[in-house]
Structure formats: structure tokens, C-alpha cells
């Protein structure tokens, strides 16, 4: 076993083991609902493409008692120099059952949450030109204001040194738009304090004269195109960060394969697998069967995130 934190471990096959505490029993229920052999509806099945794969639970003896862990995929592997950002999405990050003191703690955690619809809780970026990784913790991110959040995305993608990475931003936007389409039709789940994990390899080689973004289309028949080795766990503000790559989302079998062939043929170094998006942390996710409705709280934040990323990309369109 590899152990950096008692709450997070990697097994011998590099699966992530996340300690199952009483407060996280809802996360176990969520994973079991979505990953049941025959999910209740097609929307739940589609959601799997945005999540780490779930393998059930395992018990590990710590010398005194057995501890239960969720076993899920190490969803981002293979990155040589991981650049990682965690965001909490939604105008409210407290659930309907939160006690008043919890509500107050969440309200003061980031004063722009309701206005912006999301908050960046931490990020790290590899500065290739100087060969150094820079880490920005939750205290730094708490000072990010709505009018400089675009600058933060520019910093995360290191666009000042590598403006050609605007292609990564464009692909990220397209993936988030696919997730948005899912949220615009699903009415069962309500997500609170769920994270979006964004990652890419800061060591990737991009060529400005050939780099271009690609159109990702389709939202059915999604196929996993990547099945790569898994390494290293990272942790920022209580959320798990794993070093690797996400399965392509929202691409039909034919379109997806042809898209990858096109990239190979053009020797284009920006493709849909170069930037990853994953939903994680579901301890405060609820299944609403009594009064199904859109998750407007999450939708607001996701739309705001896409808008700000579009501003980031547009500022480098002509560079």
C-alpha cells in the first residue's frame, strides 16, 4: 500500500481507496446507484462518463480494527507534470439538511460563491520554462474576486508563456458544455459541495503553428478511449487529486475514432484527451424522488464557469 493520508490510499493496482466515514455514507449510496448493473434510467448511465469508476468497498485492518474504504479509479494518471485545479460548483455549497452553524461556515468560506456560482479551492501549475511547480492553496484562492477569476485561469494554463494552450481551454469548454447538457435534462440528483477536477500535463509539447482545438460532438454511444497507467495522489483542500487522464466524454464511437485519426494524421498536438474533467466528492449529493426538478444551483455555477473560461480563451484568440 501507498499511504500519504489515512483517509486516502492507493492499493497495489493503484486504485484509490477513500476512507468511508459516517459522513460519507451518502457518497457510497450515490456510487452504488449510478454504477448498479442496470441503473434505473439512461441519465444515470450517462453520468458514469464524468465519474471515476466505482469498484465497491474494501476493508483494511489498521492494526486495531477494520476500516472500510471506497474503491474507485485513479481517474487522472500518466501525467508527468500534473497541473491540477479543484472547483466547488454551485451558488450554495451547503445541503438542505445542514445545521445552522454549518450553513454559516459555508457562507463565510468564500464571499463571492453566490455571485460567481463556483469557487476555486486550490490549484497547482507546472512552470515549464523554469522547471518548477507552483502551488496555490485555499488561502490564496479565497482572495480571488469575480473580476480576476479569468486571470486565474490564464495563470493555471500558463497562457502568458504558452498562448497555444488556448486549444486546451477550448476543449475544456466543450467538455463542460457536454456536462451542462446532462444537467439540463436530469431532474433526480441535487449536488452540493461536489468538486470538478481539471487537469492537464504541464510537460506536454505544443507547437503554436499546428495547435488547434477540436470539435467534440454527440452525447450518446460514449466510449472509453483511454485506459492508462495510474500513479500518484494529490490532495488540495480535502479533495483527492490523481495523476492521470480522463476518458473522453460525449463522443460517439464513430465520431470519436475518426477524430483521433484526424489528429494523428495532422500531427496536431492538442486533442480531446489533453485536458481532463472529473466530478468527485459526493458526500452531499441527494436523490430527489418526491419533487424532481433541475439542479438550478449547480447549473448556475456550471454556466458561470463556462462563461469565464470563454473569456479566458477569447483573450488569446488572436495570439
Protein backbone atom coordinates (compact mmCIF):
# COMPACT_ATOMS: atom_id res chain seq x y z
CA UNK A 1 0.00 0.00 0.00
CA UNK A 2 0.96 3.60 -0.61
CA UNK A 3 -0.25 5.87 2.14
CA UNK A 4 0.10 9.66 2.23
CA UNK A 5 -3.00 10.36 4.29
CA UNK A 6 -5.04 7.97 6.48
CA UNK A 7 -8.15 8.97 4.53
CA UNK A 8 -6.63 8.21 1.10
CA UNK A 9 -4.60 5.21 -0.01
CA UNK A 10 -3.56 3.52 -3.23
CA UNK A 11 -3.81 -0.24 -3.48
CA UNK A 12 -1.37 -2.49 -5.31
CA UNK A 13 -3.19 -1.78 -8.59
CA UNK A 14 -3.21 1.99 -7.99
CA UNK A 15 -6.93 2.20 -7.34
CA UNK A 16 -7.85 4.99 -4.97
CA UNK A 17 -9.10 3.89 -1.55
CA UNK A 18 -11.06 6.62 0.21
CA UNK A 19 -11.92 6.15 3.87
CA UNK A 20 -15.63 5.52 4.33
CA UNK A 21 -16.75 7.57 7.32
CA UNK A 22 -20.27 8.04 8.62
CA UNK A 23 -20.49 11.43 6.93
CA UNK A 24 -19.55 9.87 3.57
CA UNK A 25 -22.13 7.08 3.57
CA UNK A 26 -24.14 9.21 1.13
CA UNK A 27 -21.23 9.05 -1.30
CA UNK A 28 -21.31 5.26 -1.17
CA UNK A 29 -25.06 5.30 -1.82
CA UNK A 30 -24.56 7.65 -4.76
CA UNK A 31 -21.89 5.49 -6.39
CA UNK A 32 -23.96 2.35 -5.90
CA UNK A 33 -27.00 3.97 -7.51
CA UNK A 34 -25.09 5.19 -10.56
CA UNK A 35 -22.94 2.08 -11.00
CA UNK A 36 -25.60 -0.58 -10.39
CA UNK A 37 -25.61 -3.25 -13.09
CA UNK A 38 -28.84 -1.91 -14.55
CA UNK A 39 -29.29 1.73 -13.47
CA UNK A 40 -32.83 3.00 -13.12
CA UNK A 41 -32.62 5.30 -16.12
CA UNK A 42 -30.36 6.22 -19.02
CA UNK A 43 -29.34 9.53 -17.44
CA UNK A 44 -27.65 7.72 -14.55
CA UNK A 45 -25.77 5.55 -17.00
CA UNK A 46 -24.59 8.61 -18.93
CA UNK A 47 -23.31 10.21 -15.74
CA UNK A 48 -20.74 7.43 -15.34
CA UNK A 49 -18.66 9.05 -18.07
CA UNK A 50 -17.99 12.01 -15.82
CA UNK A 51 -17.05 9.97 -12.74
CA UNK A 52 -14.25 7.72 -11.55
CA UNK A 53 -15.21 4.09 -11.94
CA UNK A 54 -16.55 2.56 -8.74
CA UNK A 55 -15.50 -0.92 -7.54
CA UNK A 56 -17.36 -1.21 -4.26
CA UNK A 57 -15.82 -1.16 -0.79
CA UNK A 58 -12.88 -2.92 0.84
CA UNK A 59 -11.97 -3.49 4.48
CA UNK A 60 -8.39 -2.90 5.64
CA UNK A 61 -7.09 -3.83 9.09
CA UNK A 62 -5.11 -0.95 10.60
CA UNK A 63 -3.67 -2.98 13.47
CA UNK A 64 -6.65 -2.40 15.72
CA UNK A 65 -9.87 -2.50 13.69
CA UNK A 66 -11.07 -2.98 10.14
CA UNK A 67 -11.59 0.28 8.27
CA UNK A 68 -13.88 0.43 5.24
CA UNK A 69 -12.80 2.26 2.10
CA UNK A 70 -14.49 3.22 -1.15
CA UNK A 71 -12.55 1.78 -4.07
CA UNK A 72 -12.59 3.94 -7.19
CA UNK A 73 -10.44 4.56 -10.23
CA UNK A 74 -7.41 6.75 -10.01
CA UNK A 75 -9.04 8.95 -12.60
CA UNK A 76 -6.08 11.01 -13.74
CA UNK A 77 -2.94 9.06 -14.38
CA UNK A 78 0.12 9.26 -16.65
CA UNK A 79 0.78 12.99 -16.26
CA UNK A 80 4.47 13.72 -15.98
CA UNK A 81 3.98 17.21 -14.60
CA UNK A 82 0.38 17.42 -13.38
CA UNK A 83 -1.38 20.77 -13.42
CA UNK A 84 -4.50 20.42 -11.29
CA UNK A 85 -7.37 22.65 -10.24
CA UNK A 86 -10.27 21.91 -7.90
CA UNK A 87 -13.52 23.88 -8.01
CA UNK A 88 -16.62 23.69 -5.85
CA UNK A 89 -19.60 24.33 -8.13
CA UNK A 90 -22.92 25.89 -7.13
CA UNK A 91 -24.20 29.12 -5.58
CA UNK A 92 -24.77 27.21 -2.34
CA UNK A 93 -22.34 24.61 -1.01
CA UNK A 94 -24.46 23.53 1.96
CA UNK A 95 -27.20 20.95 1.63
CA UNK A 96 -30.83 21.36 2.80
CA UNK A 97 -30.15 19.35 5.94
CA UNK A 98 -27.11 21.31 7.09
CA UNK A 99 -27.37 22.69 10.64
CA UNK A 100 -27.27 26.49 11.06
CA UNK A 101 -23.65 26.55 12.19
CA UNK A 102 -22.61 24.58 9.11
CA UNK A 103 -24.55 26.98 6.87
CA UNK A 104 -22.77 29.95 8.42
CA UNK A 105 -19.35 28.34 7.97
CA UNK A 106 -20.07 27.72 4.30
CA UNK A 107 -21.39 31.25 3.75
CA UNK A 108 -18.18 32.84 5.01
CA UNK A 109 -15.86 30.34 3.33
CA UNK A 110 -15.92 32.36 0.09
CA UNK A 111 -17.95 35.55 -0.01
CA UNK A 112 -18.33 35.51 -3.81
CA UNK A 113 -19.78 31.99 -4.01
CA UNK A 114 -23.39 33.11 -4.58
CA UNK A 115 -22.36 35.77 -7.10
CA UNK A 116 -19.85 33.71 -9.09
CA UNK A 117 -21.51 30.30 -8.71
CA UNK A 118 -18.25 28.43 -8.06
CA UNK A 119 -15.02 28.79 -6.16
CA UNK A 120 -11.51 27.62 -6.87
CA UNK A 121 -10.30 25.82 -3.75
CA UNK A 122 -6.74 25.20 -4.88
CA UNK A 123 -4.58 24.63 -7.93
CA UNK A 124 -1.05 23.75 -8.95
CA UNK A 125 0.69 24.57 -12.20
CA UNK A 126 4.00 23.39 -13.60
CA UNK A 127 6.04 26.28 -14.98
CA UNK A 128 7.90 24.51 -17.76
CA UNK A 129 10.18 27.44 -18.58
CA UNK A 130 11.68 27.44 -15.10
CA UNK A 131 11.08 23.77 -14.30
CA UNK A 132 9.12 24.42 -11.11
CA UNK A 133 5.65 23.59 -9.81
CA UNK A 134 3.76 26.41 -8.11
CA UNK A 135 1.05 25.60 -5.57
CA UNK A 136 -1.84 27.92 -4.74
CA UNK A 137 -3.75 26.86 -1.63
CA UNK A 138 -7.22 27.67 -0.35
CA UNK A 139 -6.00 30.80 1.43
CA UNK A 140 -4.71 32.23 -1.84
CA UNK A 141 -7.85 31.19 -3.71
CA UNK A 142 -10.12 32.74 -1.10
CA UNK A 143 -8.83 36.13 -2.32
CA UNK A 144 -9.84 35.52 -5.95
CA UNK A 145 -12.53 38.01 -6.95
CA UNK A 146 -15.10 37.66 -9.74
CA UNK A 147 -13.29 40.32 -11.78
CA UNK A 148 -9.96 38.48 -11.72
CA UNK A 149 -11.06 34.86 -11.96
CA UNK A 150 -10.25 34.93 -15.70
CA UNK A 151 -6.69 35.92 -14.80
CA UNK A 152 -6.55 32.88 -12.54
CA UNK A 153 -7.48 30.57 -15.43
CA UNK A 154 -4.82 32.28 -17.56
CA UNK A 155 -2.34 31.58 -14.78
CA UNK A 156 -3.46 27.95 -14.43
CA UNK A 157 -2.96 27.25 -18.14
CA UNK A 158 0.24 29.34 -18.16
CA UNK A 159 -1.08 31.14 -21.23
CA UNK A 160 1.32 34.05 -20.95
CA UNK A 161 4.25 31.71 -21.60
CA UNK A 162 2.30 29.26 -23.79
CA UNK A 163 -0.57 31.07 -25.60
CA UNK A 164 -1.00 27.99 -27.81
CA UNK A 165 -2.62 26.28 -24.81
CA UNK A 166 -5.79 28.19 -25.64
CA UNK A 167 -6.64 24.99 -27.50
CA UNK A 168 -6.77 23.19 -24.15
CA UNK A 169 -9.14 25.82 -22.82
CA UNK A 170 -11.39 25.37 -25.83
CA UNK A 171 -11.52 21.60 -25.36
CA UNK A 172 -12.24 22.07 -21.65
CA UNK A 173 -15.15 24.34 -22.54
CA UNK A 174 -16.54 21.73 -24.94
CA UNK A 175 -16.36 19.02 -22.28
CA UNK A 176 -18.08 21.27 -19.74
CA UNK A 177 -20.80 22.00 -22.31
CA UNK A 178 -21.43 18.26 -22.57
CA UNK A 179 -21.76 18.08 -18.80
CA UNK A 180 -24.09 21.08 -18.96
CA UNK A 181 -26.34 19.24 -21.41
CA UNK A 182 -26.59 16.38 -18.93
CA UNK A 183 -27.56 18.75 -16.12
CA UNK A 184 -30.12 20.47 -18.34
CA UNK A 185 -32.13 17.26 -18.59
CA UNK A 186 -31.56 15.37 -15.33
CA UNK A 187 -34.01 16.06 -12.50
CA UNK A 188 -33.22 13.43 -9.88
CA UNK A 189 -29.88 14.37 -8.31
CA UNK A 190 -29.05 17.51 -6.35
CA UNK A 191 -25.32 18.17 -5.91
CA UNK A 192 -23.85 20.17 -3.04
CA UNK A 193 -20.11 20.68 -2.36
CA UNK A 194 -19.27 18.45 -5.31
CA UNK A 195 -15.92 19.19 -6.91
CA UNK A 196 -14.88 19.48 -10.52
CA UNK A 197 -11.31 18.36 -11.05
CA UNK A 198 -9.48 19.84 -14.05
CA UNK A 199 -6.05 18.57 -15.02
CA UNK A 200 -3.53 18.55 -17.84
CA UNK A 201 0.14 17.73 -18.28
CA UNK A 202 2.36 20.78 -17.87
CA UNK A 203 5.13 18.92 -19.67
CA UNK A 204 3.19 18.47 -22.91
CA UNK A 205 4.83 19.67 -26.08
CA UNK A 206 2.63 22.00 -28.13
CA UNK A 207 3.52 23.62 -31.44
CA UNK A 208 1.92 27.07 -31.94
CA UNK A 209 1.79 26.74 -35.71
CA UNK A 210 -0.13 23.47 -35.60
CA UNK A 211 -2.10 23.68 -32.35
CA UNK A 212 -5.84 23.99 -32.77
CA UNK A 213 -8.92 22.98 -30.82
CA UNK A 214 -11.24 20.22 -31.96
CA UNK A 215 -15.00 19.97 -32.12
CA UNK A 216 -16.44 17.39 -29.78
CA UNK A 217 -19.94 16.31 -30.75
CA UNK A 218 -22.56 13.80 -29.74
CA UNK A 219 -23.82 12.77 -26.33
CA UNK A 220 -24.64 9.09 -26.71
CA UNK A 221 -22.72 5.97 -27.53
CA UNK A 222 -19.83 7.27 -25.46
CA UNK A 223 -16.81 5.01 -25.47
CA UNK A 224 -13.74 4.98 -23.26
CA UNK A 225 -10.71 5.64 -25.43
CA UNK A 226 -8.06 5.80 -22.73
CA UNK A 227 -7.01 3.10 -20.34
CA UNK A 228 -3.71 4.25 -18.98
CA UNK A 229 -1.45 3.50 -16.05
CA UNK A 230 -2.20 5.16 -12.72
CA UNK A 231 0.22 6.98 -10.47
CA UNK A 232 0.49 9.44 -7.61
CA UNK A 233 -2.22 11.02 -5.49
CA UNK A 234 -2.53 14.71 -4.81
CA UNK A 235 -4.69 16.43 -2.24
CA UNK A 236 -5.87 20.05 -2.07
CA UNK A 237 -8.41 21.31 0.47
CA UNK A 238 -9.73 17.87 1.29
CA UNK A 239 -10.32 16.66 -2.28
CA UNK A 240 -8.48 13.81 -3.91
CA UNK A 241 -6.25 14.59 -6.90
CA UNK A 242 -4.86 11.84 -9.01
CA UNK A 243 -2.16 11.97 -11.61
CA UNK A 244 -3.53 10.86 -14.99
CA UNK A 245 -6.13 11.20 -17.71
CA UNK A 246 -9.92 11.14 -18.03
CA UNK A 247 -11.90 9.09 -20.54
CA UNK A 248 -13.19 11.12 -23.48
CA UNK A 249 -16.80 12.16 -22.89
CA UNK A 250 -19.66 12.89 -25.21
CA UNK A 251 -18.17 11.33 -28.33
CA UNK A 252 -19.95 8.74 -30.41
CA UNK A 253 -17.97 5.66 -31.32
CA UNK A 254 -17.55 6.60 -34.97
CA UNK A 255 -17.03 10.33 -34.44
CA UNK A 256 -14.57 9.72 -31.62
CA UNK A 257 -12.42 7.29 -33.53
CA UNK A 258 -12.38 9.47 -36.63
CA UNK A 259 -11.49 12.49 -34.50
CA UNK A 260 -8.45 10.75 -33.07
CA UNK A 261 -7.43 9.55 -36.54
CA UNK A 262 -7.66 13.12 -37.78
CA UNK A 263 -5.36 14.33 -35.03
CA UNK A 264 -2.83 11.62 -35.79
CA UNK A 265 -2.91 12.44 -39.48
CA UNK A 266 -2.45 16.18 -38.92
CA UNK A 267 0.21 15.69 -36.25
CA UNK A 268 -1.86 18.11 -34.17
CA UNK A 269 -0.70 18.16 -30.56
CA UNK A 270 -3.94 19.36 -28.96
CA UNK A 271 -6.61 16.68 -28.76
CA UNK A 272 -9.58 15.89 -26.51
CA UNK A 273 -7.51 13.78 -24.14
CA UNK A 274 -5.05 16.55 -23.30
CA UNK A 275 -7.24 18.14 -20.62
CA UNK A 276 -9.36 16.23 -18.13
CA UNK A 277 -12.63 16.97 -16.32
CA UNK A 278 -13.93 14.80 -13.49
CA UNK A 279 -16.70 15.14 -10.94
CA UNK A 280 -15.62 13.99 -7.47
CA UNK A 281 -16.74 14.25 -3.82
CA UNK A 282 -20.38 13.19 -3.44
CA UNK A 283 -20.94 13.10 0.32
CA UNK A 284 -23.57 15.82 -0.04
CA UNK A 285 -25.37 14.55 -3.14
CA UNK A 286 -29.06 13.73 -2.80
CA UNK A 287 -31.56 11.77 -4.83
CA UNK A 288 -34.79 13.76 -5.06
CA UNK A 289 -37.67 11.41 -5.89
CA UNK A 290 -40.52 13.41 -4.35
CA UNK A 291 -40.22 16.59 -6.41
CA UNK A 292 -37.88 16.06 -9.38
CA UNK A 293 -36.56 19.31 -10.82
CA UNK A 294 -33.46 20.74 -12.45
CA UNK A 295 -30.48 21.35 -10.19
CA UNK A 296 -30.53 25.11 -10.71
CA UNK A 297 -27.89 25.63 -8.03
CA UNK A 298 -25.31 23.56 -9.92
CA UNK A 299 -26.48 24.78 -13.34
CA UNK A 300 -25.86 28.40 -12.39
CA UNK A 301 -22.30 27.62 -11.33
CA UNK A 302 -21.53 25.47 -14.37
CA UNK A 303 -22.78 28.14 -16.78
CA UNK A 304 -20.75 30.77 -14.97
CA UNK A 305 -17.65 28.59 -15.14
CA UNK A 306 -18.09 28.08 -18.89
CA UNK A 307 -18.60 31.82 -19.41
CA UNK A 308 -15.41 32.73 -17.55
CA UNK A 309 -13.41 30.10 -19.42
CA UNK A 310 -14.74 31.52 -22.69
CA UNK A 311 -13.45 34.93 -21.62
CA UNK A 312 -10.09 33.33 -20.87
CA UNK A 313 -9.95 31.66 -24.28
CA UNK A 314 -11.18 34.75 -26.17
CA UNK A 315 -8.42 36.89 -24.68
CA UNK A 316 -5.91 34.69 -26.51
CA UNK A 317 -7.81 34.00 -29.76
CA UNK A 318 -5.59 36.22 -31.89
CA UNK A 319 -2.29 35.21 -30.35
